[in-house]
PDB file of N, CA and C in Angstrom:
ATOM      1  N   MET A   1      28.008 129.730  20.826  1.00  0.00           N
ATOM      2  CA  MET A   1      27.441 128.458  21.921  1.00  0.00           C
ATOM      3  C   MET A   1      26.144 128.586  21.784  1.00  0.00           C
ATOM      4  N   LYS A   2      25.023 127.584  21.752  1.00  0.00           N
ATOM      5  CA  LYS A   2      23.615 127.155  21.767  1.00  0.00           C
ATOM      6  C   LYS A   2      23.075 126.816  23.204  1.00  0.00           C
ATOM      7  N   LEU A   3      22.219 127.699  23.594  1.00  0.00           N
ATOM      8  CA  LEU A   3      21.706 128.017  24.799  1.00  0.00           C
ATOM      9  C   LEU A   3      20.334 126.608  24.546  1.00  0.00           C
ATOM     10  N   SER A   4      20.002 126.223  25.726  1.00  0.00           N
ATOM     11  CA  SER A   4      19.009 124.933  25.684  1.00  0.00           C
ATOM     12  C   SER A   4      18.182 125.550  26.869  1.00  0.00           C
ATOM     13  N   LEU A   5      16.719 125.691  26.676  1.00  0.00           N
ATOM     14  CA  LEU A   5      16.189 125.669  27.905  1.00  0.00           C
ATOM     15  C   LEU A   5      15.861 124.187  28.983  1.00  0.00           C
ATOM     16  N   ARG A   6      16.172 123.258  28.155  1.00  0.00           N
ATOM     17  CA  ARG A   6      15.916 121.871  28.925  1.00  0.00           C
ATOM     18  C   ARG A   6      17.132 121.365  29.440  1.00  0.00           C
ATOM     19  N   ASN A   7      18.366 122.211  29.316  1.00  0.00           N
ATOM     20  CA  ASN A   7      19.637 121.816  29.805  1.00  0.00           C
ATOM     21  C   ASN A   7      20.195 122.768  29.854  1.00  0.00           C
ATOM     22  N   PRO A   8      19.840 123.933  31.150  1.00  0.00           N
ATOM     23  CA  PRO A   8      20.783 124.890  31.439  1.00  0.00           C
ATOM     24  C   PRO A   8      22.047 124.506  32.019  1.00  0.00           C
ATOM     25  N   PRO A   9      22.931 125.626  31.826  1.00  0.00           N
ATOM     26  CA  PRO A   9      24.200 125.327  32.697  1.00  0.00           C
ATOM     27  C   PRO A   9      24.285 125.005  33.927  1.00  0.00           C
ATOM     28  N   ARG A  10      24.635 124.178  34.426  1.00  0.00           N
ATOM     29  CA  ARG A  10      24.790 124.069  35.998  1.00  0.00           C
ATOM     30  C   ARG A  10      25.796 125.010  36.730  1.00  0.00           C
ATOM     31  N   GLN A  11      25.361 125.461  37.743  1.00  0.00           N
ATOM     32  CA  GLN A  11      26.389 126.336  38.495  1.00  0.00           C
ATOM     33  C   GLN A  11      26.831 125.841  39.892  1.00  0.00           C
ATOM     34  N   SER A  12      27.893 125.764  40.428  1.00  0.00           N
ATOM     35  CA  SER A  12      28.112 125.379  41.774  1.00  0.00           C
ATOM     36  C   SER A  12      28.318 126.513  42.563  1.00  0.00           C
ATOM     37  N   TYR A  13      27.583 126.083  43.671  1.00  0.00           N
ATOM     38  CA  TYR A  13      27.376 127.468  45.007  1.00  0.00           C
ATOM     39  C   TYR A  13      27.991 126.582  46.084  1.00  0.00           C
ATOM     40  N   ASP A  14      29.007 127.207  46.662  1.00  0.00           N
ATOM     41  CA  ASP A  14      29.453 126.645  48.347  1.00  0.00           C
ATOM     42  C   ASP A  14      28.658 127.196  49.123  1.00  0.00           C
ATOM     43  N   GLU A  15      28.311 125.915  50.132  1.00  0.00           N
ATOM     44  CA  GLU A  15      27.381 126.090  51.469  1.00  0.00           C
ATOM     45  C   GLU A  15      28.347 127.046  52.498  1.00  0.00           C
ATOM     46  N   GLY A  16      27.471 127.643  53.118  1.00  0.00           N
ATOM     47  CA  GLY A  16      28.347 128.820  54.372  1.00  0.00           C
ATOM     48  C   GLY A  16      28.608 127.818  55.002  1.00  0.00           C
ATOM     49  N   PRO A  17      29.687 128.304  56.473  1.00  0.00           N
ATOM     50  CA  PRO A  17      30.153 127.547  57.601  1.00  0.00           C
ATOM     51  C   PRO A  17      28.766 126.959  58.470  1.00  0.00           C
ATOM     52  N   LEU A  18      27.997 128.145  58.462  1.00  0.00           N
ATOM     53  CA  LEU A  18      26.332 127.566  59.366  1.00  0.00           C
ATOM     54  C   LEU A  18      25.802 126.529  58.845  1.00  0.00           C
ATOM     55  N   THR A  19      25.864 126.562  57.682  1.00  0.00           N
ATOM     56  CA  THR A  19      24.745 125.831  56.603  1.00  0.00           C
ATOM     57  C   THR A  19      25.299 124.116  57.070  1.00  0.00           C
ATOM     58  N   LYS A  20      26.646 124.002  56.807  1.00  0.00           N
ATOM     59  CA  LYS A  20      27.300 123.166  57.035  1.00  0.00           C
ATOM     60  C   LYS A  20      27.436 122.201  58.351  1.00  0.00           C
ATOM     61  N   VAL A  21      27.285 123.248  59.250  1.00  0.00           N
ATOM     62  CA  VAL A  21      27.553 122.611  60.459  1.00  0.00           C
ATOM     63  C   VAL A  21      26.186 122.151  61.120  1.00  0.00           C
ATOM     64  N   LEU A  22      25.143 123.178  60.652  1.00  0.00           N
ATOM     65  CA  LEU A  22      23.605 122.428  60.589  1.00  0.00           C
ATOM     66  C   LEU A  22      23.462 121.053  59.861  1.00  0.00           C
ATOM     67  N   GLU A  23      24.000 120.645  59.091  1.00  0.00           N
ATOM     68  CA  GLU A  23      23.465 119.636  57.939  1.00  0.00           C
ATOM     69  C   GLU A  23      23.918 118.857  58.757  1.00  0.00           C
ATOM     70  N   GLU A  24      25.242 118.894  59.509  1.00  0.00           N
ATOM     71  CA  GLU A  24      26.030 117.514  59.913  1.00  0.00           C
ATOM     72  C   GLU A  24      25.321 117.024  61.439  1.00  0.00           C
ATOM     73  N   GLN A  25      24.848 118.326  62.137  1.00  0.00           N
ATOM     74  CA  GLN A  25      24.131 118.128  63.539  1.00  0.00           C
ATOM     75  C   GLN A  25      22.867 117.641  63.157  1.00  0.00           C
ATOM     76  N   THR A  26      22.112 117.489  62.302  1.00  0.00           N
ATOM     77  CA  THR A  26      20.571 117.519  61.709  1.00  0.00           C
ATOM     78  C   THR A  26      20.473 116.086  60.992  1.00  0.00           C
ATOM     79  N   VAL A  27      20.388 115.211  61.203  1.00  0.00           N
ATOM     80  CA  VAL A  27      19.923 114.122  60.500  1.00  0.00           C
ATOM     81  C   VAL A  27      18.847 113.681  60.612  1.00  0.00           C
ATOM     82  N   VAL A  28      17.835 114.099  60.429  1.00  0.00           N
ATOM     83  CA  VAL A  28      16.647 113.903  60.701  1.00  0.00           C
ATOM     84  C   VAL A  28      15.854 113.566  59.293  1.00  0.00           C
ATOM     85  N   PRO A  29      15.408 112.158  59.394  1.00  0.00           N
ATOM     86  CA  PRO A  29      14.690 111.666  58.123  1.00  0.00           C
ATOM     87  C   PRO A  29      13.277 112.596  57.562  1.00  0.00           C
ATOM     88  N   THR A  30      13.313 112.609  56.126  1.00  0.00           N
ATOM     89  CA  THR A  30      12.217 113.749  55.651  1.00  0.00           C
ATOM     90  C   THR A  30      10.621 113.063  56.416  1.00  0.00           C
ATOM     91  N   ASP A  31      10.449 112.343  56.634  1.00  0.00           N
ATOM     92  CA  ASP A  31       9.446 111.959  56.938  1.00  0.00           C
ATOM     93  C   ASP A  31       8.714 112.213  58.155  1.00  0.00           C
ATOM     94  N   THR A  32       9.817 112.401  58.907  1.00  0.00           N
ATOM     95  CA  THR A  32       9.753 113.171  59.994  1.00  0.00           C
ATOM     96  C   THR A  32       8.752 114.254  60.303  1.00  0.00           C
ATOM     97  N   PHE A  33       9.003 115.248  58.991  1.00  0.00           N
ATOM     98  CA  PHE A  33       8.358 116.801  59.184  1.00  0.00           C
ATOM     99  C   PHE A  33       6.814 116.538  58.705  1.00  0.00           C
ATOM    100  N   LEU A  34       6.667 115.714  57.700  1.00  0.00           N
ATOM    101  CA  LEU A  34       5.333 114.844  57.984  1.00  0.00           C
ATOM    102  C   LEU A  34       4.543 114.945  58.655  1.00  0.00           C
ATOM    103  N   TRP A  35       4.957 114.225  59.425  1.00  0.00           N
ATOM    104  CA  TRP A  35       4.479 113.300  60.693  1.00  0.00           C
ATOM    105  C   TRP A  35       4.097 114.522  61.623  1.00  0.00           C
ATOM    106  N   ALA A  36       5.288 115.422  61.852  1.00  0.00           N
ATOM    107  CA  ALA A  36       5.133 116.844  62.684  1.00  0.00           C
ATOM    108  C   ALA A  36       4.040 117.554  62.149  1.00  0.00           C
ATOM    109  N   ALA A  37       3.917 117.668  60.954  1.00  0.00           N
ATOM    110  CA  ALA A  37       2.432 118.322  60.497  1.00  0.00           C
ATOM    111  C   ALA A  37       1.342 118.098  60.737  1.00  0.00           C
ATOM    112  N   LEU A  38       1.037 116.382  60.341  1.00  0.00           N
ATOM    113  CA  LEU A  38       0.030 115.531  60.793  1.00  0.00           C
ATOM    114  C   LEU A  38      -0.325 115.576  62.408  1.00  0.00           C
ATOM    115  N   ALA A  39       0.290 115.585  63.388  1.00  0.00           N
ATOM    116  CA  ALA A  39       0.409 115.809  64.602  1.00  0.00           C
ATOM    117  C   ALA A  39      -0.176 117.246  64.928  1.00  0.00           C
ATOM    118  N   SER A  40       0.446 118.260  64.289  1.00  0.00           N
ATOM    119  CA  SER A  40       0.040 119.496  64.465  1.00  0.00           C
ATOM    120  C   SER A  40      -1.232 119.628  64.521  1.00  0.00           C
ATOM    121  N   ILE A  41      -1.805 119.202  62.992  1.00  0.00           N
ATOM    122  CA  ILE A  41      -3.103 119.290  62.591  1.00  0.00           C
ATOM    123  C   ILE A  41      -4.080 118.490  63.092  1.00  0.00           C
ATOM    124  N   ILE A  42      -3.707 117.165  63.779  1.00  0.00           N
ATOM    125  CA  ILE A  42      -4.854 116.662  64.794  1.00  0.00           C
ATOM    126  C   ILE A  42      -4.836 117.256  65.934  1.00  0.00           C
ATOM    127  N   GLY A  43      -3.545 117.669  66.473  1.00  0.00           N
ATOM    128  CA  GLY A  43      -3.397 118.709  68.127  1.00  0.00           C
ATOM    129  C   GLY A  43      -4.555 119.759  67.739  1.00  0.00           C
ATOM    130  N   SER A  44      -4.509 120.362  66.870  1.00  0.00           N
ATOM    131  CA  SER A  44      -5.435 121.371  66.217  1.00  0.00           C
ATOM    132  C   SER A  44      -6.874 121.215  66.471  1.00  0.00           C
ATOM    133  N   LEU A  45      -7.160 120.328  66.066  1.00  0.00           N
ATOM    134  CA  LEU A  45      -8.652 119.501  65.608  1.00  0.00           C
ATOM    135  C   LEU A  45      -9.228 119.354  67.280  1.00  0.00           C
ATOM    136  N   THR A  46      -8.135 118.551  68.143  1.00  0.00           N
ATOM    137  CA  THR A  46      -8.413 118.351  69.618  1.00  0.00           C
ATOM    138  C   THR A  46      -8.198 119.338  70.145  1.00  0.00           C
ATOM    139  N   LEU A  47      -7.677 120.516  70.114  1.00  0.00           N
ATOM    140  CA  LEU A  47      -7.823 121.554  70.937  1.00  0.00           C
ATOM    141  C   LEU A  47      -9.377 122.051  70.507  1.00  0.00           C
ATOM    142  N   GLN A  48      -9.643 122.514  68.807  1.00  0.00           N
ATOM    143  CA  GLN A  48     -10.900 122.896  68.572  1.00  0.00           C
ATOM    144  C   GLN A  48     -11.815 122.175  69.155  1.00  0.00           C
ATOM    145  N   LEU A  49     -12.243 120.987  69.147  1.00  0.00           N
ATOM    146  CA  LEU A  49     -13.072 120.583  69.755  1.00  0.00           C
ATOM    147  C   LEU A  49     -13.414 120.736  71.547  1.00  0.00           C
ATOM    148  N   LEU A  50     -12.017 120.942  72.183  1.00  0.00           N
ATOM    149  CA  LEU A  50     -12.227 121.031  73.699  1.00  0.00           C
ATOM    150  C   LEU A  50     -12.519 122.352  74.068  1.00  0.00           C
ATOM    151  N   GLY A  51     -12.372 123.235  72.681  1.00  0.00           N
ATOM    152  CA  GLY A  51     -13.114 124.710  72.978  1.00  0.00           C
ATOM    153  C   GLY A  51     -12.052 125.664  73.291  1.00  0.00           C
ATOM    154  N   ARG A  52     -10.672 125.680  72.901  1.00  0.00           N
ATOM    155  CA  ARG A  52      -9.752 126.270  73.030  1.00  0.00           C
ATOM    156  C   ARG A  52      -9.294 126.653  71.958  1.00  0.00           C
ATOM    157  N   GLN A  53     -10.194 127.547  71.345  1.00  0.00           N
ATOM    158  CA  GLN A  53      -9.656 128.112  70.024  1.00  0.00           C
ATOM    159  C   GLN A  53      -8.394 128.798  69.733  1.00  0.00           C
ATOM    160  N   ARG A  54      -8.358 129.575  70.345  1.00  0.00           N
ATOM    161  CA  ARG A  54      -6.977 130.519  70.610  1.00  0.00           C
ATOM    162  C   ARG A  54      -5.394 129.838  70.041  1.00  0.00           C
ATOM    163  N   THR A  55      -5.732 128.834  71.150  1.00  0.00           N
ATOM    164  CA  THR A  55      -4.314 127.514  70.778  1.00  0.00           C
ATOM    165  C   THR A  55      -4.777 127.090  69.708  1.00  0.00           C
ATOM    166  N   SER A  56      -5.972 126.249  69.353  1.00  0.00           N
ATOM    167  CA  SER A  56      -6.313 125.656  68.204  1.00  0.00           C
ATOM    168  C   SER A  56      -5.388 126.525  66.936  1.00  0.00           C
ATOM    169  N   LEU A  57      -5.646 127.263  66.983  1.00  0.00           N
ATOM    170  CA  LEU A  57      -5.173 128.461  65.863  1.00  0.00           C
ATOM    171  C   LEU A  57      -3.821 128.102  65.720  1.00  0.00           C
ATOM    172  N   PHE A  58      -2.545 128.598  67.279  1.00  0.00           N
ATOM    173  CA  PHE A  58      -1.680 128.566  67.154  1.00  0.00           C
ATOM    174  C   PHE A  58      -0.867 127.410  66.769  1.00  0.00           C
ATOM    175  N   VAL A  59      -1.714 126.069  67.504  1.00  0.00           N
ATOM    176  CA  VAL A  59      -0.785 124.807  67.083  1.00  0.00           C
ATOM    177  C   VAL A  59      -1.105 124.517  65.319  1.00  0.00           C
ATOM    178  N   GLY A  60      -2.358 124.886  65.339  1.00  0.00           N
ATOM    179  CA  GLY A  60      -2.393 124.666  63.383  1.00  0.00           C
ATOM    180  C   GLY A  60      -1.598 125.702  62.454  1.00  0.00           C
ATOM    181  N   GLN A  61      -1.187 126.235  63.283  1.00  0.00           N
ATOM    182  CA  GLN A  61      -0.233 126.943  62.128  1.00  0.00           C
ATOM    183  C   GLN A  61       0.975 126.403  61.988  1.00  0.00           C
ATOM    184  N   TRP A  62       1.639 125.704  63.061  1.00  0.00           N
ATOM    185  CA  TRP A  62       2.807 124.837  63.003  1.00  0.00           C
ATOM    186  C   TRP A  62       2.955 124.104  61.691  1.00  0.00           C
ATOM    187  N   ALA A  63       1.851 123.474  61.414  1.00  0.00           N
ATOM    188  CA  ALA A  63       1.826 122.557  60.161  1.00  0.00           C
ATOM    189  C   ALA A  63       2.488 122.878  58.876  1.00  0.00           C
ATOM    190  N   PRO A  64       2.055 123.922  58.516  1.00  0.00           N
ATOM    191  CA  PRO A  64       3.040 124.717  57.472  1.00  0.00           C
ATOM    192  C   PRO A  64       4.210 124.291  57.448  1.00  0.00           C
ATOM    193  N   THR A  65       4.817 125.253  58.381  1.00  0.00           N
ATOM    194  CA  THR A  65       6.139 125.428  59.013  1.00  0.00           C
ATOM    195  C   THR A  65       7.167 124.228  58.952  1.00  0.00           C
ATOM    196  N   PHE A  66       5.988 123.192  59.396  1.00  0.00           N
ATOM    197  CA  PHE A  66       6.832 121.523  59.468  1.00  0.00           C
ATOM    198  C   PHE A  66       7.246 121.171  58.225  1.00  0.00           C
ATOM    199  N   LEU A  67       6.149 121.607  57.004  1.00  0.00           N
ATOM    200  CA  LEU A  67       5.863 121.092  55.645  1.00  0.00           C
ATOM    201  C   LEU A  67       7.090 121.618  55.021  1.00  0.00           C
ATOM    202  N   LEU A  68       7.245 123.228  55.506  1.00  0.00           N
ATOM    203  CA  LEU A  68       8.274 123.682  54.561  1.00  0.00           C
ATOM    204  C   LEU A  68       9.823 123.435  54.931  1.00  0.00           C
ATOM    205  N   ILE A  69       9.879 123.193  56.384  1.00  0.00           N
ATOM    206  CA  ILE A  69      11.336 122.828  56.786  1.00  0.00           C
ATOM    207  C   ILE A  69      11.708 121.010  56.068  1.00  0.00           C
ATOM    208  N   GLY A  70      10.223 120.648  55.810  1.00  0.00           N
ATOM    209  CA  GLY A  70      10.844 119.115  55.015  1.00  0.00           C
ATOM    210  C   GLY A  70      11.052 119.450  53.571  1.00  0.00           C
ATOM    211  N   VAL A  71      10.510 120.438  53.322  1.00  0.00           N
ATOM    212  CA  VAL A  71      10.619 120.400  51.378  1.00  0.00           C
ATOM    213  C   VAL A  71      12.157 121.055  51.501  1.00  0.00           C
ATOM    214  N   TYR A  72      12.774 122.010  52.415  1.00  0.00           N
ATOM    215  CA  TYR A  72      13.956 122.517  52.623  1.00  0.00           C
ATOM    216  C   TYR A  72      14.980 121.219  52.606  1.00  0.00           C
ATOM    217  N   HIS A  73      14.498 120.617  53.743  1.00  0.00           N
ATOM    218  CA  HIS A  73      15.474 119.640  54.132  1.00  0.00           C
ATOM    219  C   HIS A  73      15.886 118.400  53.065  1.00  0.00           C
ATOM    220  N   LYS A  74      14.608 118.238  52.383  1.00  0.00           N
ATOM    221  CA  LYS A  74      14.434 117.699  51.391  1.00  0.00           C
ATOM    222  C   LYS A  74      15.432 117.996  49.971  1.00  0.00           C
ATOM    223  N   LEU A  75      15.159 119.316  49.679  1.00  0.00           N
ATOM    224  CA  LEU A  75      15.971 119.665  48.663  1.00  0.00           C
ATOM    225  C   LEU A  75      17.638 119.841  48.704  1.00  0.00           C
ATOM    226  N   THR A  76      17.499 120.220  49.778  1.00  0.00           N
ATOM    227  CA  THR A  76      19.454 120.319  50.311  1.00  0.00           C
ATOM    228  C   THR A  76      19.682 118.804  50.604  1.00  0.00           C
ATOM    229  N   LYS A  77      18.983 118.063  50.942  1.00  0.00           N
ATOM    230  CA  LYS A  77      19.573 116.863  50.868  1.00  0.00           C
ATOM    231  C   LYS A  77      19.990 116.264  49.382  1.00  0.00           C
ATOM    232  N   GLY A  78      18.990 116.344  48.370  1.00  0.00           N
ATOM    233  CA  GLY A  78      18.976 115.722  47.517  1.00  0.00           C
ATOM    234  C   GLY A  78      19.375 116.595  46.495  1.00  0.00           C
ATOM    235  N   LEU A  79      19.428 117.749  46.063  1.00  0.00           N
ATOM    236  CA  LEU A  79      19.915 118.505  45.551  1.00  0.00           C
ATOM    237  C   LEU A  79      21.569 119.336  45.472  1.00  0.00           C
ATOM    238  N   GLY A  80      21.930 119.110  46.202  1.00  0.00           N
ATOM    239  CA  GLY A  80      23.582 119.729  46.219  1.00  0.00           C
ATOM    240  C   GLY A  80      24.031 119.115  47.778  1.00  0.00           C
ATOM    241  N   ALA A  81      23.953 119.452  48.490  1.00  0.00           N
ATOM    242  CA  ALA A  81      24.434 119.426  50.054  1.00  0.00           C
ATOM    243  C   ALA A  81      25.187 118.006  49.968  1.00  0.00           C
ATOM    244  N   GLU A  82      24.909 116.775  49.577  1.00  0.00           N
ATOM    245  CA  GLU A  82      25.472 115.397  49.418  1.00  0.00           C
ATOM    246  C   GLU A  82      26.672 115.292  48.420  1.00  0.00           C
ATOM    247  N   HIS A  83      26.442 116.221  47.242  1.00  0.00           N
ATOM    248  CA  HIS A  83      27.100 116.285  45.981  1.00  0.00           C
ATOM    249  C   HIS A  83      27.592 117.704  46.157  1.00  0.00           C
ATOM    250  N   PRO A  84      28.895 117.616  45.861  1.00  0.00           N
ATOM    251  CA  PRO A  84      29.772 118.931  46.321  1.00  0.00           C
ATOM    252  C   PRO A  84      29.601 119.790  44.494  1.00  0.00           C
ATOM    253  N   ALA A  85      29.427 119.018  44.155  1.00  0.00           N
ATOM    254  CA  ALA A  85      29.654 119.680  42.404  1.00  0.00           C
ATOM    255  C   ALA A  85      28.322 120.111  42.091  1.00  0.00           C
ATOM    256  N   GLY A  86      27.013 119.824  42.651  1.00  0.00           N
ATOM    257  CA  GLY A  86      25.769 120.391  42.189  1.00  0.00           C
ATOM    258  C   GLY A  86      24.863 118.765  42.017  1.00  0.00           C
ATOM    259  N   PRO A  87      23.549 119.383  41.834  1.00  0.00           N
ATOM    260  CA  PRO A  87      22.918 117.781  41.490  1.00  0.00           C
ATOM    261  C   PRO A  87      23.547 117.013  40.336  1.00  0.00           C
ATOM    262  N   VAL A  88      23.054 116.124  40.467  1.00  0.00           N
ATOM    263  CA  VAL A  88      23.794 115.036  39.286  1.00  0.00           C
ATOM    264  C   VAL A  88      23.095 114.948  38.433  1.00  0.00           C
TER     265      VAL A  88
END
């Protein structure tokens, strides 16, 4: 059997029950997370200009979290959650 680095064998993984429930309950467009990150950045800038530095830093740290959740959401929706056999 010849192994190729370009087309590795695909493995199928079953989702856990909690993941299945969360995916069924959270039907959110992926761009929502991008808008939330941008709102966090704008909110942080506004707070900074108003002189509320500590609150500004707190709100500014939300942006990477929103983006990471968006990436996870996109990967799970596009690479396997909708296709039981794995990526197409």
